[in-house]
Amino acid sequence: MKKNYSTKAGFALIDIVIYIALFAILIGGVSISAYHLFNSSNQNQTNVLVLEEGNFLLAKISWVISQAETITTPPTNASSTILLTTPYDLSLGNSLLIQVQNKNITLRRKNVTSILNNSNIEVSNLVFTRLTSDNIESIKSSFTLTSRAPNGTPVTADFSTINFLHK
């Protein structure tokens, strides 16, 4: 006696096509998500670099002002693109000078000029304003930092601080 086995085991061609299409959509979605994740990670790293660099430069400017016995530039109630001071401690040199040169903030002391910012950062709009109010003197410092994320997108941030002068 002969038995007739007609079971339909396996996948039909249409099943395979549907599974491949769903798999391609899934892989495409994962790829796009991964691309955006890595791209935003690079953008965030650049943002953090700019913020850290800005805070570092503000701290250096505050240090120069805190070391000042006299401030030559900017004059009282005026603005300047340079900060020129004579420090209390002459072992730091006869003067301390902060300015922008070739899109870098530089510090000159003992006739040696040092670049303070990272090479991936451009500095612009550096302004020092000397203010007097009620016989209290202060220096307002402000500048703009710009960098480029790996995808070429510019990242820009403005920084400013006010330091009060001790007499």
N, C-alpha and C. Protein backbone atom coordinates (compact mmCIF):
# COMPACT_ATOMS: atom_id res chain seq x y z
N MET A 1 0.82 -1.15 0.00
CA MET A 1 0.00 0.00 0.00
C MET A 1 0.88 1.24 0.00
N LYS A 2 0.50 2.13 -0.83
CA LYS A 2 1.29 3.34 -1.05
C LYS A 2 0.62 4.51 -0.34
N LYS A 3 1.43 5.23 0.46
CA LYS A 3 0.88 6.37 1.19
C LYS A 3 1.19 7.65 0.43
N ASN A 4 0.26 8.54 0.41
CA ASN A 4 0.42 9.82 -0.30
C ASN A 4 0.74 10.91 0.73
N TYR A 5 1.94 11.37 0.69
CA TYR A 5 2.36 12.45 1.59
C TYR A 5 2.35 13.75 0.81
N SER A 6 1.47 14.62 1.11
CA SER A 6 1.48 15.92 0.44
C SER A 6 1.43 17.01 1.50
N THR A 7 2.48 17.15 2.24
CA THR A 7 2.57 18.21 3.22
C THR A 7 3.33 19.37 2.60
N LYS A 8 2.94 20.49 2.94
CA LYS A 8 3.60 21.69 2.41
C LYS A 8 4.58 22.20 3.46
N ALA A 9 5.74 21.69 3.48
CA ALA A 9 6.78 22.12 4.42
C ALA A 9 7.68 23.11 3.71
N GLY A 10 8.21 24.11 4.48
CA GLY A 10 9.12 25.10 3.90
C GLY A 10 8.40 26.40 3.63
N PHE A 11 9.11 27.27 2.89
CA PHE A 11 8.60 28.60 2.60
C PHE A 11 8.27 28.73 1.12
N ALA A 12 7.26 29.46 0.84
CA ALA A 12 6.95 29.78 -0.55
C ALA A 12 7.80 30.97 -0.97
N LEU A 13 7.94 31.20 -2.23
CA LEU A 13 8.76 32.29 -2.75
C LEU A 13 8.27 33.64 -2.23
N ILE A 14 7.00 33.85 -2.16
CA ILE A 14 6.47 35.13 -1.68
C ILE A 14 6.82 35.35 -0.21
N ASP A 15 6.86 34.29 0.59
CA ASP A 15 7.27 34.41 1.99
C ASP A 15 8.70 34.91 2.08
N ILE A 16 9.57 34.34 1.28
CA ILE A 16 10.99 34.73 1.30
C ILE A 16 11.15 36.18 0.87
N VAL A 17 10.44 36.60 -0.15
CA VAL A 17 10.52 37.99 -0.62
C VAL A 17 10.04 38.95 0.47
N ILE A 18 8.97 38.61 1.15
CA ILE A 18 8.45 39.47 2.22
C ILE A 18 9.46 39.56 3.37
N TYR A 19 10.05 38.42 3.76
CA TYR A 19 11.03 38.43 4.85
C TYR A 19 12.27 39.23 4.49
N ILE A 20 12.72 39.12 3.25
CA ILE A 20 13.90 39.89 2.82
C ILE A 20 13.58 41.38 2.81
N ALA A 21 12.40 41.77 2.37
CA ALA A 21 12.00 43.18 2.36
C ALA A 21 11.92 43.73 3.78
N LEU A 22 11.33 42.96 4.70
CA LEU A 22 11.25 43.41 6.09
C LEU A 22 12.64 43.53 6.70
N PHE A 23 13.50 42.57 6.40
CA PHE A 23 14.87 42.61 6.91
C PHE A 23 15.62 43.83 6.36
N ALA A 24 15.44 44.15 5.08
CA ALA A 24 16.11 45.32 4.46
C ALA A 24 15.61 46.61 5.11
N ILE A 25 14.32 46.70 5.38
CA ILE A 25 13.77 47.89 6.04
C ILE A 25 14.35 48.02 7.44
N LEU A 26 14.43 46.91 8.16
CA LEU A 26 14.98 46.91 9.51
C LEU A 26 16.46 47.34 9.50
N ILE A 27 17.25 46.76 8.62
CA ILE A 27 18.68 47.10 8.52
C ILE A 27 18.84 48.57 8.10
N GLY A 28 18.02 49.04 7.18
CA GLY A 28 18.07 50.45 6.76
C GLY A 28 17.77 51.39 7.91
N GLY A 29 16.77 51.07 8.70
CA GLY A 29 16.43 51.90 9.87
C GLY A 29 17.54 51.91 10.90
N VAL A 30 18.13 50.75 11.15
CA VAL A 30 19.23 50.67 12.11
C VAL A 30 20.44 51.47 11.60
N SER A 31 20.73 51.37 10.30
CA SER A 31 21.86 52.12 9.73
C SER A 31 21.65 53.63 9.84
N ILE A 32 20.47 54.09 9.53
CA ILE A 32 20.18 55.52 9.62
C ILE A 32 20.27 55.99 11.07
N SER A 33 19.74 55.20 11.98
CA SER A 33 19.81 55.57 13.40
C SER A 33 21.25 55.62 13.89
N ALA A 34 22.06 54.64 13.48
CA ALA A 34 23.47 54.62 13.89
C ALA A 34 24.21 55.83 13.32
N TYR A 35 23.93 56.17 12.06
CA TYR A 35 24.57 57.34 11.44
C TYR A 35 24.24 58.61 12.23
N HIS A 36 22.98 58.81 12.55
CA HIS A 36 22.57 60.00 13.30
C HIS A 36 23.15 60.00 14.71
N LEU A 37 23.24 58.83 15.31
CA LEU A 37 23.82 58.72 16.64
C LEU A 37 25.29 59.14 16.63
N PHE A 38 26.07 58.61 15.68
CA PHE A 38 27.48 58.97 15.59
C PHE A 38 27.67 60.43 15.21
N ASN A 39 26.83 60.93 14.32
CA ASN A 39 26.92 62.32 13.89
C ASN A 39 26.63 63.27 15.05
N SER A 40 25.60 62.97 15.84
CA SER A 40 25.28 63.84 16.98
C SER A 40 26.34 63.71 18.06
N SER A 41 26.94 62.54 18.19
CA SER A 41 28.02 62.36 19.16
C SER A 41 29.21 63.26 18.80
N ASN A 42 29.57 63.31 17.52
CA ASN A 42 30.66 64.18 17.08
C ASN A 42 30.31 65.65 17.30
N GLN A 43 29.07 66.02 17.03
CA GLN A 43 28.62 67.39 17.25
C GLN A 43 28.71 67.75 18.73
N ASN A 44 28.29 66.82 19.60
CA ASN A 44 28.36 67.06 21.04
C ASN A 44 29.80 67.18 21.51
N GLN A 45 30.69 66.37 20.97
CA GLN A 45 32.10 66.47 21.35
C GLN A 45 32.67 67.83 20.97
N THR A 46 32.28 68.35 19.82
CA THR A 46 32.75 69.67 19.40
C THR A 46 32.17 70.75 20.30
N ASN A 47 30.89 70.63 20.66
CA ASN A 47 30.27 71.59 21.60
C ASN A 47 31.01 71.60 22.93
N VAL A 48 31.34 70.42 23.44
CA VAL A 48 32.05 70.32 24.71
C VAL A 48 33.44 70.93 24.58
N LEU A 49 34.12 70.67 23.47
CA LEU A 49 35.45 71.25 23.24
C LEU A 49 35.39 72.77 23.28
N VAL A 50 34.42 73.35 22.60
CA VAL A 50 34.29 74.81 22.57
C VAL A 50 34.00 75.35 23.97
N LEU A 51 33.09 74.71 24.71
CA LEU A 51 32.77 75.19 26.06
C LEU A 51 33.96 75.06 27.01
N GLU A 52 34.67 73.94 26.96
CA GLU A 52 35.85 73.78 27.81
C GLU A 52 36.92 74.80 27.47
N GLU A 53 37.11 75.02 26.18
CA GLU A 53 38.12 75.99 25.75
C GLU A 53 37.75 77.39 26.21
N GLY A 54 36.46 77.75 26.09
CA GLY A 54 36.01 79.06 26.54
C GLY A 54 36.21 79.26 28.03
N ASN A 55 35.88 78.25 28.81
CA ASN A 55 36.08 78.35 30.26
C ASN A 55 37.56 78.44 30.62
N PHE A 56 38.40 77.71 29.91
CA PHE A 56 39.85 77.78 30.15
C PHE A 56 40.37 79.19 29.85
N LEU A 57 39.95 79.76 28.72
CA LEU A 57 40.42 81.11 28.35
C LEU A 57 39.91 82.16 29.34
N LEU A 58 38.66 82.02 29.80
CA LEU A 58 38.15 82.95 30.81
C LEU A 58 38.97 82.86 32.09
N ALA A 59 39.37 81.65 32.46
CA ALA A 59 40.19 81.47 33.66
C ALA A 59 41.57 82.11 33.48
N LYS A 60 42.16 81.99 32.30
CA LYS A 60 43.47 82.62 32.05
C LYS A 60 43.35 84.15 32.11
N ILE A 61 42.31 84.68 31.52
CA ILE A 61 42.10 86.14 31.56
C ILE A 61 41.90 86.59 33.01
N SER A 62 41.12 85.85 33.77
CA SER A 62 40.90 86.19 35.18
C SER A 62 42.21 86.12 35.96
N TRP A 63 43.05 85.15 35.65
CA TRP A 63 44.34 85.03 36.32
C TRP A 63 45.21 86.25 36.03
N VAL A 64 45.27 86.69 34.77
CA VAL A 64 46.08 87.86 34.42
C VAL A 64 45.56 89.09 35.16
N ILE A 65 44.25 89.25 35.22
CA ILE A 65 43.68 90.41 35.92
C ILE A 65 43.96 90.33 37.42
N SER A 66 43.89 89.13 37.98
CA SER A 66 44.13 89.00 39.42
C SER A 66 45.59 89.27 39.79
N GLN A 67 46.51 89.12 38.84
CA GLN A 67 47.93 89.36 39.08
C GLN A 67 48.30 90.83 38.88
N ALA A 68 47.35 91.65 38.42
CA ALA A 68 47.67 93.02 37.99
C ALA A 68 47.82 93.98 39.17
N GLU A 69 48.95 94.66 39.17
CA GLU A 69 49.12 95.80 40.08
C GLU A 69 48.53 97.03 39.42
N THR A 70 48.80 97.18 38.11
CA THR A 70 48.20 98.26 37.33
C THR A 70 47.74 97.69 35.99
N ILE A 71 46.70 98.32 35.46
CA ILE A 71 46.21 97.96 34.13
C ILE A 71 46.43 99.16 33.23
N THR A 72 47.25 98.96 32.22
CA THR A 72 47.58 100.04 31.29
C THR A 72 46.52 100.16 30.20
N THR A 73 46.14 99.03 29.63
CA THR A 73 45.16 99.01 28.56
C THR A 73 44.14 97.93 28.88
N PRO A 74 42.87 98.24 28.83
CA PRO A 74 42.22 99.45 28.35
C PRO A 74 42.22 100.54 29.43
N PRO A 75 42.17 101.80 29.00
CA PRO A 75 42.08 102.88 29.98
C PRO A 75 40.69 102.89 30.63
N THR A 76 40.54 103.65 31.68
CA THR A 76 39.28 103.72 32.41
C THR A 76 38.15 104.16 31.50
N ASN A 77 37.01 103.47 31.63
CA ASN A 77 35.79 103.74 30.86
C ASN A 77 36.02 103.69 29.35
N ALA A 78 36.83 102.74 28.92
CA ALA A 78 37.11 102.57 27.49
C ALA A 78 37.23 101.08 27.19
N SER A 79 37.24 100.76 25.90
CA SER A 79 37.38 99.37 25.44
C SER A 79 38.63 99.23 24.60
N SER A 80 39.12 98.00 24.55
CA SER A 80 40.31 97.72 23.75
C SER A 80 40.30 96.25 23.36
N THR A 81 41.05 95.92 22.32
CA THR A 81 41.18 94.52 21.91
C THR A 81 42.38 93.86 22.58
N ILE A 82 43.09 94.61 23.41
CA ILE A 82 44.21 94.03 24.16
C ILE A 82 44.04 94.34 25.64
N LEU A 83 44.65 93.49 26.45
CA LEU A 83 44.71 93.70 27.90
C LEU A 83 46.18 93.73 28.27
N LEU A 84 46.64 94.86 28.76
CA LEU A 84 48.04 95.03 29.13
C LEU A 84 48.10 95.41 30.60
N THR A 85 48.81 94.58 31.39
CA THR A 85 48.90 94.80 32.83
C THR A 85 50.35 94.75 33.28
N THR A 86 50.59 95.35 34.44
CA THR A 86 51.86 95.20 35.15
C THR A 86 51.56 94.35 36.39
N PRO A 87 52.19 93.19 36.52
CA PRO A 87 51.86 92.30 37.64
C PRO A 87 52.52 92.74 38.94
N TYR A 88 51.90 92.33 40.06
CA TYR A 88 52.52 92.54 41.37
C TYR A 88 53.86 91.80 41.43
N ASP A 89 53.84 90.57 41.01
CA ASP A 89 55.01 89.70 41.08
C ASP A 89 55.83 89.89 39.79
N LEU A 90 56.92 90.62 39.88
CA LEU A 90 57.72 90.89 38.69
C LEU A 90 58.46 89.66 38.17
N SER A 91 58.42 88.55 38.91
CA SER A 91 58.99 87.32 38.36
C SER A 91 58.15 86.81 37.19
N LEU A 92 56.91 87.32 37.06
CA LEU A 92 56.07 86.98 35.92
C LEU A 92 56.46 87.79 34.68
N GLY A 93 57.32 88.77 34.87
CA GLY A 93 57.72 89.67 33.78
C GLY A 93 57.29 91.08 34.11
N ASN A 94 57.74 92.04 33.29
CA ASN A 94 57.37 93.44 33.51
C ASN A 94 55.95 93.75 33.09
N SER A 95 55.40 92.91 32.19
CA SER A 95 54.02 93.13 31.75
C SER A 95 53.42 91.80 31.30
N LEU A 96 52.10 91.76 31.35
CA LEU A 96 51.34 90.63 30.82
C LEU A 96 50.40 91.19 29.77
N LEU A 97 50.40 90.60 28.59
CA LEU A 97 49.61 91.10 27.47
C LEU A 97 48.77 89.97 26.89
N ILE A 98 47.47 90.19 26.80
CA ILE A 98 46.56 89.24 26.14
C ILE A 98 45.97 89.94 24.93
N GLN A 99 46.00 89.23 23.80
CA GLN A 99 45.44 89.77 22.56
C GLN A 99 45.14 88.63 21.60
N VAL A 100 44.48 88.96 20.48
CA VAL A 100 44.24 87.97 19.43
C VAL A 100 45.26 88.19 18.33
N GLN A 101 45.92 87.09 17.94
CA GLN A 101 46.84 87.11 16.80
C GLN A 101 46.52 85.90 15.93
N ASN A 102 46.20 86.15 14.68
CA ASN A 102 45.90 85.06 13.73
C ASN A 102 44.83 84.10 14.26
N LYS A 103 43.76 84.66 14.79
CA LYS A 103 42.61 83.91 15.30
C LYS A 103 42.94 83.06 16.53
N ASN A 104 44.00 83.42 17.25
CA ASN A 104 44.39 82.75 18.49
C ASN A 104 44.52 83.79 19.60
N ILE A 105 44.11 83.42 20.81
CA ILE A 105 44.38 84.28 21.97
C ILE A 105 45.80 83.98 22.44
N THR A 106 46.58 85.03 22.57
CA THR A 106 47.96 84.85 23.01
C THR A 106 48.20 85.58 24.32
N LEU A 107 49.14 85.05 25.08
CA LEU A 107 49.59 85.67 26.33
C LEU A 107 51.09 85.91 26.18
N ARG A 108 51.49 87.17 26.34
CA ARG A 108 52.91 87.49 26.30
C ARG A 108 53.36 87.85 27.71
N ARG A 109 54.39 87.13 28.16
CA ARG A 109 55.02 87.45 29.44
C ARG A 109 56.50 87.14 29.30
N LYS A 110 57.31 88.00 29.86
CA LYS A 110 58.76 87.90 29.74
C LYS A 110 59.19 87.81 28.28
N ASN A 111 58.51 88.58 27.43
CA ASN A 111 58.79 88.64 25.99
C ASN A 111 58.66 87.30 25.29
N VAL A 112 57.91 86.39 25.86
CA VAL A 112 57.60 85.11 25.22
C VAL A 112 56.09 85.06 25.00
N THR A 113 55.70 84.83 23.76
CA THR A 113 54.27 84.77 23.43
C THR A 113 53.83 83.32 23.34
N SER A 114 52.75 83.01 24.05
CA SER A 114 52.19 81.65 24.05
C SER A 114 50.76 81.70 23.54
N ILE A 115 50.42 80.75 22.69
CA ILE A 115 49.03 80.61 22.23
C ILE A 115 48.27 79.85 23.31
N LEU A 116 47.13 80.39 23.72
CA LEU A 116 46.37 79.80 24.82
C LEU A 116 45.30 78.82 24.36
N ASN A 117 44.77 79.00 23.17
CA ASN A 117 43.66 78.16 22.74
C ASN A 117 44.12 76.96 21.90
N ASN A 118 43.23 75.99 21.78
CA ASN A 118 43.43 74.79 20.99
C ASN A 118 43.54 75.16 19.51
N SER A 119 44.31 74.39 18.75
CA SER A 119 44.50 74.70 17.33
C SER A 119 43.22 74.50 16.52
N ASN A 120 42.23 73.78 17.05
CA ASN A 120 40.96 73.57 16.35
C ASN A 120 39.95 74.68 16.62
N ILE A 121 40.35 75.68 17.41
CA ILE A 121 39.44 76.76 17.82
C ILE A 121 39.91 78.07 17.21
N GLU A 122 38.97 78.83 16.67
CA GLU A 122 39.27 80.19 16.19
C GLU A 122 38.63 81.19 17.15
N VAL A 123 39.39 82.24 17.45
CA VAL A 123 38.93 83.27 18.39
C VAL A 123 38.64 84.55 17.60
N SER A 124 37.54 85.20 17.93
CA SER A 124 37.21 86.48 17.30
C SER A 124 36.51 87.36 18.32
N ASN A 125 36.38 88.62 17.98
CA ASN A 125 35.64 89.60 18.78
C ASN A 125 36.13 89.72 20.22
N LEU A 126 37.43 89.63 20.44
CA LEU A 126 37.98 89.80 21.78
C LEU A 126 37.93 91.27 22.14
N VAL A 127 37.25 91.59 23.24
CA VAL A 127 37.12 92.97 23.68
C VAL A 127 37.25 93.01 25.20
N PHE A 128 38.07 93.95 25.67
CA PHE A 128 38.20 94.22 27.10
C PHE A 128 37.65 95.61 27.35
N THR A 129 36.74 95.73 28.31
CA THR A 129 36.14 97.02 28.64
C THR A 129 36.40 97.29 30.11
N ARG A 130 36.99 98.43 30.38
CA ARG A 130 37.28 98.82 31.77
C ARG A 130 36.16 99.72 32.25
N LEU A 131 35.50 99.31 33.31
CA LEU A 131 34.32 100.02 33.82
C LEU A 131 34.60 100.56 35.21
N THR A 132 33.99 101.71 35.51
CA THR A 132 34.07 102.28 36.84
C THR A 132 32.66 102.67 37.26
N SER A 133 32.26 102.20 38.45
CA SER A 133 30.96 102.54 38.98
C SER A 133 31.09 102.63 40.49
N ASP A 134 30.70 103.76 41.06
CA ASP A 134 30.78 103.97 42.50
C ASP A 134 32.18 103.67 43.04
N ASN A 135 33.17 104.13 42.31
CA ASN A 135 34.58 103.97 42.69
C ASN A 135 35.03 102.51 42.73
N ILE A 136 34.28 101.64 42.05
CA ILE A 136 34.66 100.23 41.92
C ILE A 136 35.02 99.98 40.46
N GLU A 137 36.24 99.50 40.25
CA GLU A 137 36.69 99.25 38.88
C GLU A 137 36.55 97.77 38.54
N SER A 138 36.24 97.52 37.28
CA SER A 138 36.14 96.14 36.80
C SER A 138 36.55 96.08 35.33
N ILE A 139 36.85 94.88 34.91
CA ILE A 139 37.18 94.63 33.50
C ILE A 139 36.17 93.60 32.99
N LYS A 140 35.47 93.98 31.93
CA LYS A 140 34.58 93.03 31.26
C LYS A 140 35.34 92.48 30.07
N SER A 141 35.43 91.16 29.98
CA SER A 141 36.12 90.48 28.88
C SER A 141 35.09 89.67 28.10
N SER A 142 35.15 89.77 26.78
CA SER A 142 34.24 88.98 25.96
C SER A 142 34.93 88.56 24.67
N PHE A 143 34.54 87.40 24.17
CA PHE A 143 35.10 86.88 22.93
C PHE A 143 34.17 85.81 22.37
N THR A 144 34.42 85.43 21.12
CA THR A 144 33.65 84.39 20.44
C THR A 144 34.61 83.29 20.01
N LEU A 145 34.19 82.05 20.24
CA LEU A 145 34.98 80.90 19.79
C LEU A 145 34.20 80.15 18.72
N THR A 146 34.93 79.67 17.70
CA THR A 146 34.32 78.91 16.62
C THR A 146 35.19 77.69 16.34
N SER A 147 34.51 76.57 16.13
CA SER A 147 35.19 75.34 15.73
C SER A 147 34.30 74.66 14.71
N ARG A 148 34.81 73.62 14.10
CA ARG A 148 34.02 72.86 13.12
C ARG A 148 33.90 71.42 13.59
N ALA A 149 32.65 70.92 13.56
CA ALA A 149 32.41 69.52 13.85
C ALA A 149 32.99 68.68 12.70
N PRO A 150 33.21 67.40 12.91
CA PRO A 150 33.76 66.56 11.83
C PRO A 150 32.95 66.58 10.55
N ASN A 151 31.65 66.85 10.63
CA ASN A 151 30.84 66.92 9.41
C ASN A 151 30.90 68.31 8.75
N GLY A 152 31.69 69.23 9.33
CA GLY A 152 31.86 70.56 8.74
C GLY A 152 30.95 71.62 9.31
N THR A 153 30.03 71.25 10.17
CA THR A 153 29.11 72.21 10.76
C THR A 153 29.85 73.11 11.74
N PRO A 154 29.72 74.44 11.59
CA PRO A 154 30.40 75.33 12.55
C PRO A 154 29.70 75.32 13.91
N VAL A 155 30.50 75.35 14.96
CA VAL A 155 30.00 75.45 16.33
C VAL A 155 30.58 76.73 16.91
N THR A 156 29.70 77.65 17.30
CA THR A 156 30.12 78.97 17.78
C THR A 156 29.50 79.23 19.15
N ALA A 157 30.30 79.85 20.02
CA ALA A 157 29.79 80.23 21.34
C ALA A 157 30.42 81.55 21.75
N ASP A 158 29.63 82.39 22.41
CA ASP A 158 30.11 83.67 22.95
C ASP A 158 30.38 83.50 24.44
N PHE A 159 31.45 84.13 24.90
CA PHE A 159 31.84 84.06 26.31
C PHE A 159 32.09 85.46 26.82
N SER A 160 31.76 85.69 28.09
CA SER A 160 32.09 86.96 28.72
C SER A 160 32.15 86.77 30.23
N THR A 161 32.90 87.65 30.85
CA THR A 161 33.02 87.64 32.31
C THR A 161 33.37 89.04 32.77
N ILE A 162 33.11 89.31 34.02
CA ILE A 162 33.50 90.58 34.64
C ILE A 162 34.37 90.27 35.84
N ASN A 163 35.55 90.88 35.88
CA ASN A 163 36.47 90.73 37.01
C ASN A 163 36.59 92.08 37.70
N PHE A 164 36.42 92.08 39.02
CA PHE A 164 36.56 93.30 39.80
C PHE A 164 38.00 93.46 40.20
N LEU A 165 38.48 94.70 40.15
CA LEU A 165 39.88 94.98 40.44
C LEU A 165 40.03 95.30 41.92
N HIS A 166 41.06 94.73 42.52
CA HIS A 166 41.34 95.05 43.92
C HIS A 166 42.37 96.17 43.96
N LYS A 167 42.26 96.96 44.99
CA LYS A 167 43.17 98.12 45.09
C LYS A 167 44.09 97.95 46.26
